[in-house]
Protein backbone atom coordinates (compact mmCIF):
# COMPACT_ATOMS: atom_id res chain seq x y z
CA MET A 1 41.61 20.03 -1.66
CA PHE A 2 43.96 17.54 -2.51
CA SER A 3 43.22 17.84 -6.38
CA SER A 4 44.62 21.40 -6.19
CA CYS A 5 48.14 19.95 -4.95
CA ILE A 6 51.14 20.30 -7.35
CA THR A 7 51.74 16.63 -7.74
CA ASN A 8 55.10 14.75 -9.03
CA LYS A 9 53.54 14.50 -12.34
CA ASP A 10 53.52 18.15 -12.74
CA LEU A 11 57.25 18.42 -11.84
CA VAL A 12 59.15 15.53 -13.31
CA TYR A 13 60.82 15.79 -16.36
CA LEU A 14 60.93 13.47 -19.04
CA GLN A 15 58.38 10.70 -17.70
CA ASP A 16 57.77 7.63 -19.26
CA LYS A 17 53.81 7.68 -19.35
CA GLY A 18 53.36 4.01 -20.38
CA ASP A 19 53.53 4.38 -23.95
CA LYS A 20 55.26 0.98 -25.11
CA SER A 21 56.76 2.91 -27.96
CA SER A 22 59.05 4.87 -25.10
CA GLU A 23 60.88 1.30 -24.37
CA LYS A 24 62.35 1.74 -27.58
CA LEU A 25 62.85 5.46 -27.61
CA ILE A 26 65.87 6.62 -29.58
CA LEU A 27 67.11 10.18 -28.92
CA ASN A 28 66.21 12.89 -31.40
CA GLN A 29 68.56 12.89 -34.16
CA LEU A 30 70.94 15.51 -34.40
CA PRO A 31 69.28 19.04 -35.22
CA LYS A 32 69.59 20.34 -38.65
CA PRO A 33 72.21 23.01 -38.90
CA TYR A 34 71.56 26.25 -38.11
CA ARG A 35 70.86 28.77 -40.81
CA VAL A 36 72.11 32.39 -40.41
CA GLN A 37 69.46 35.05 -39.94
CA VAL A 38 69.51 39.07 -39.79
CA ASN A 39 71.21 40.69 -36.92
CA ASP A 40 73.14 37.40 -36.21
CA ILE A 41 76.78 38.12 -35.36
CA LEU A 42 79.35 35.94 -36.67
CA SER A 43 83.07 35.28 -35.44
CA ILE A 44 85.44 34.79 -38.46
CA THR A 45 89.01 34.27 -38.22
CA VAL A 46 91.59 33.61 -40.84
CA LYS A 47 94.85 31.72 -40.17
CA ALA A 48 97.86 30.90 -42.73
CA LEU A 49 101.49 29.77 -42.57
CA ASP A 50 102.45 33.45 -42.43
CA GLU A 51 100.56 35.17 -39.76
CA GLU A 52 101.36 38.64 -41.28
CA LEU A 53 99.37 37.87 -44.54
CA VAL A 54 95.96 37.42 -42.50
CA GLY A 55 96.65 40.21 -40.07
CA MET A 56 94.42 42.55 -41.86
CA PHE A 57 91.44 39.83 -41.48
CA ASN A 58 91.36 39.38 -37.86
CA PRO A 59 90.76 41.90 -35.01
CA VAL A 60 93.36 42.40 -32.41
CA GLY A 61 93.65 40.10 -29.56
CA ASP A 62 92.47 36.82 -29.13
CA PHE A 63 88.91 37.30 -30.87
CA GLY A 64 88.22 33.54 -31.35
CA GLY A 65 89.10 32.71 -27.81
CA ALA A 66 86.68 31.40 -24.91
CA ASN A 67 87.45 34.83 -22.99
CA GLN A 68 86.04 36.95 -25.80
CA SER A 69 83.36 39.07 -24.22
CA GLN A 70 79.77 39.46 -25.71
CA GLY A 71 80.69 43.19 -25.96
CA GLY A 72 83.86 42.67 -27.70
CA LEU A 73 82.16 40.51 -30.26
CA TYR A 74 79.40 43.12 -30.88
CA PHE A 75 82.06 45.43 -31.80
CA ASN A 76 84.50 43.43 -33.49
CA GLY A 77 82.43 40.63 -35.20
CA PHE A 78 80.56 40.35 -38.39
CA THR A 79 76.89 41.42 -38.02
CA VAL A 80 74.49 40.29 -40.70
CA ASP A 81 72.73 43.20 -42.21
CA LEU A 82 69.08 43.88 -43.29
CA HIS A 83 70.14 42.53 -46.79
CA GLY A 84 71.77 39.30 -45.16
CA ASN A 85 75.13 40.43 -46.03
CA ILE A 86 78.26 40.98 -43.97
CA GLU A 87 81.24 43.28 -44.66
CA PHE A 88 84.46 41.47 -45.06
CA PRO A 89 88.13 43.05 -45.44
CA ILE A 90 89.28 43.06 -49.02
CA LEU A 91 86.29 40.85 -50.03
CA GLY A 92 83.39 43.43 -49.72
CA LYS A 93 80.13 42.39 -49.21
CA ILE A 94 79.16 38.43 -48.79
CA ASN A 95 75.81 37.32 -48.64
CA VAL A 96 75.44 34.81 -45.91
CA LEU A 97 71.67 34.63 -44.92
CA GLY A 98 70.14 31.19 -44.88
CA TYR A 99 73.73 29.82 -44.90
CA THR A 100 75.08 27.35 -42.29
CA ILE A 101 78.36 28.01 -40.68
CA GLU A 102 80.09 25.45 -42.61
CA GLU A 103 78.83 26.69 -45.89
CA ILE A 104 79.92 30.35 -44.92
CA LYS A 105 83.30 28.99 -44.06
CA GLU A 106 83.59 27.50 -47.65
CA LYS A 107 82.27 30.58 -49.15
CA VAL A 108 85.08 32.88 -47.40
CA GLU A 109 87.80 30.65 -47.95
CA GLN A 110 86.78 30.37 -51.97
CA GLU A 111 86.62 34.10 -52.02
CA LEU A 112 90.14 34.74 -50.28
CA LEU A 113 91.83 32.09 -52.78
CA LYS A 114 89.84 33.94 -55.57
CA GLN A 115 90.58 37.48 -54.81
CA TYR A 116 93.67 37.75 -52.67
CA PHE A 117 95.74 34.47 -51.82
CA LYS A 118 97.18 31.74 -53.97
CA GLU A 119 96.60 27.97 -53.14
CA SER A 120 100.10 27.73 -51.71
CA ALA A 121 99.04 30.22 -48.75
CA GLU A 122 97.34 27.18 -47.18
CA ILE A 123 94.55 29.35 -45.58
CA PHE A 124 92.18 28.14 -42.74
CA VAL A 125 89.07 29.90 -41.95
CA THR A 126 87.07 29.43 -38.78
CA VAL A 127 83.56 30.77 -38.55
CA LYS A 128 81.48 30.59 -35.38
CA LEU A 129 78.44 31.88 -33.65
CA PRO A 130 79.12 33.36 -30.27
CA GLY A 131 77.43 30.31 -28.70
CA VAL A 132 73.50 29.99 -28.40
CA GLN A 133 72.07 32.91 -27.06
CA TYR A 134 68.27 32.93 -25.97
CA SER A 135 65.97 34.51 -23.51
CA THR A 136 63.47 33.42 -20.85
CA VAL A 137 60.21 34.88 -19.65
CA GLY A 138 57.46 34.03 -17.44
CA GLU A 139 57.62 31.84 -14.47
CA ILE A 140 60.98 30.72 -15.08
CA GLY A 141 62.27 34.61 -14.78
CA ALA A 142 63.05 37.01 -17.42
CA GLY A 143 66.74 36.99 -18.58
CA VAL A 144 69.17 36.71 -21.84
CA HIS A 145 71.24 33.50 -21.37
CA THR A 146 74.31 32.31 -23.56
CA VAL A 147 75.69 28.98 -23.66
CA LEU A 148 79.12 28.61 -25.19
CA LYS A 149 78.07 25.22 -27.22
CA ASP A 150 77.19 24.51 -30.71
CA ARG A 151 73.98 22.50 -29.60
CA VAL A 152 71.75 23.18 -26.36
CA ASN A 153 68.85 21.43 -25.81
CA ILE A 154 66.00 22.71 -23.69
CA ILE A 155 66.61 20.78 -20.68
CA GLU A 156 70.12 22.48 -20.46
CA ALA A 157 68.98 25.89 -21.35
CA ILE A 158 66.31 25.82 -18.35
CA ALA A 159 68.85 24.58 -16.15
CA ASN A 160 71.27 27.29 -17.22
CA ALA A 161 68.45 29.68 -16.41
CA GLY A 162 68.01 28.32 -13.02
CA ASP A 163 65.30 25.87 -13.63
CA ILE A 164 61.57 26.28 -13.44
CA PRO A 165 59.77 26.67 -10.04
CA VAL A 166 56.97 24.50 -8.74
CA THR A 167 54.55 26.82 -9.88
CA GLY A 168 55.72 26.89 -13.48
CA ASP A 169 53.88 24.69 -16.13
CA ARG A 170 56.24 22.27 -17.48
CA LYS A 171 53.58 20.25 -19.69
CA ASP A 172 53.02 23.28 -22.16
CA ILE A 173 56.52 25.09 -22.37
CA LEU A 174 56.39 27.93 -25.44
CA ILE A 175 59.17 28.42 -27.67
CA ILE A 176 58.94 31.39 -29.72
CA ARG A 177 61.24 31.22 -32.65
CA GLN A 178 62.67 33.48 -35.42
CA TYR A 179 61.92 32.31 -38.88
CA PRO A 180 62.95 34.50 -42.34
CA ASN A 181 59.04 35.34 -42.72
CA GLY A 182 58.69 36.33 -38.96
CA GLN A 183 58.08 34.59 -35.63
CA LYS A 184 56.14 31.19 -34.79
CA ILE A 185 55.12 29.73 -31.55
CA HIS A 186 55.82 26.12 -30.76
CA HIS A 187 54.76 24.07 -28.00
CA ILE A 188 56.66 21.15 -25.81
CA ASP A 189 55.67 18.88 -23.03
CA LEU A 190 58.85 18.46 -20.95
CA THR A 191 57.17 15.93 -18.51
CA ASP A 192 56.67 13.53 -21.43
CA ILE A 193 60.11 11.43 -22.48
CA ASN A 194 58.68 11.70 -26.11
CA ALA A 195 59.77 15.26 -25.86
CA MET A 196 63.00 13.96 -26.61
CA GLN A 197 62.02 13.28 -30.22
CA SER A 198 60.26 16.87 -30.75
CA PRO A 199 61.99 18.92 -33.45
CA TYR A 200 62.04 21.61 -30.57
CA TYR A 201 63.78 19.65 -27.97
CA PHE A 202 67.13 21.65 -29.19
CA ILE A 203 66.94 25.27 -29.14
CA GLN A 204 68.22 27.67 -31.60
CA PRO A 205 70.00 30.94 -31.13
CA ASN A 206 67.62 33.87 -30.58
CA ASP A 207 64.67 31.50 -29.30
CA ILE A 208 62.56 32.78 -26.39
CA ILE A 209 61.45 30.17 -23.87
CA LEU A 210 58.13 31.16 -22.20
CA VAL A 211 56.92 29.46 -18.95
CA LYS A 212 53.29 29.98 -17.76
CA PRO A 213 52.21 29.71 -14.25
CA LEU A 214 50.11 26.68 -13.25
CA LYS A 215 46.40 27.51 -12.91
CA ARG A 216 46.73 26.42 -9.27
CA LYS A 217 48.93 29.66 -8.57
CA ALA A 218 46.53 31.86 -10.46
CA ILE A 219 43.94 30.97 -7.83
CA GLY A 220 46.17 31.41 -5.00
CA ALA A 221 45.86 27.72 -4.06
CA GLY A 222 48.91 25.83 -2.00
CA GLN A 223 51.32 23.92 -3.52
CA THR A 224 51.10 21.08 -1.22
CA GLY A 225 48.26 19.50 0.75
CA ILE A 226 49.45 20.85 3.94
CA GLN A 227 49.50 24.36 2.57
CA ASN A 228 45.99 24.05 1.39
CA LEU A 229 44.80 22.35 4.84
CA THR A 230 46.71 25.42 6.81
CA THR A 231 44.96 27.83 4.42
CA ILE A 232 41.49 26.27 4.96
CA ALA A 233 42.13 26.00 8.63
CA SER A 234 42.97 29.43 8.78
CA ILE A 235 39.76 30.60 7.01
CA LEU A 236 37.61 28.56 8.97
CA SER A 237 39.32 30.02 12.27
CA VAL A 238 38.61 33.47 11.06
CA LEU A 239 35.22 32.64 10.31
CA VAL A 240 34.27 31.01 13.42
CA SER A 241 36.00 33.95 15.68
CA THR A 242 33.87 36.55 13.83
CA TYR A 243 30.79 34.41 14.23
CA PHE A 244 31.46 34.29 18.07
CA LEU A 245 32.36 37.94 18.17
CA THR A 246 29.37 39.11 16.24
CA ARG A 247 27.03 36.82 18.40
CA ASN A 248 28.08 38.21 21.66
CA LEU A 249 27.49 41.99 20.60
C-alpha cells in the first residue's frame, strides 16, 4: 500500500542523490547557438542614420518591439522556405539554413553593403527569432508556449506551462527535437541535479516536451498513503456489506 504512494523522490526537482561529483557541480555550459531550420520565422530590421533609406526593408510599425504579436510576425516576418531561403527586399533570396542568428546578421549586412548601400550609410542590422516557442503534451497538458528570451532551460519551460502535476513522471521527461534529417527523442531526469549538465537542459525552438504519467496513476492507485488507505477501507466495507447481505438472504 505504502510503496504505491508518490514520494518526495518522485516530485522534487534537481535532487542531490549522493554523488560526490555533485558537490563540485558546475552549471551546464552555454548551449551551442541555435541554427535556423526550415519553417522558422525571423525578425529582421535594418537601421541607418537616414531612416528613409531603410524604410523599404522594414515592415510598417514597431516590428521588432516586445508588443509584436505572433500573428503579426507570421505575416510580416521572414519565413525560411523548404530550400532554406528567405526572400529579402532588393537582395532577393538569401540562404540561411543552418546559420546562427549572428551569422545571418553578418550575411545580410554584407549583402546590403555589396548591393545597395555604401559604407558611409552606417547601417545596423538586427536579426532575432520570435522568442523560444515549444509545445507540451501528456501529463503536463497540451499547449504551445512562447518565452521571449534567447535561452530557456527546461525548468523554466515547464514552469511557464504550469508545472507538472504530482501524477507526472519527472524522472523520464521526453524531448522531441527537430533536426535537418528528422526528429529525435531525448530523455532527461529532472529529479537529478546532474540534469543541469545534460545537453538537453536548455530547450530549442520547436521542441516538444512530453511528460508520461506515473504507473501509479495508470493502475488507479492513490497519490498518498491516506488515499490508498481510504480506498482499501472503502473496498473492504463494500465486501463486508455484500457478505452480510448475501448471508441474510
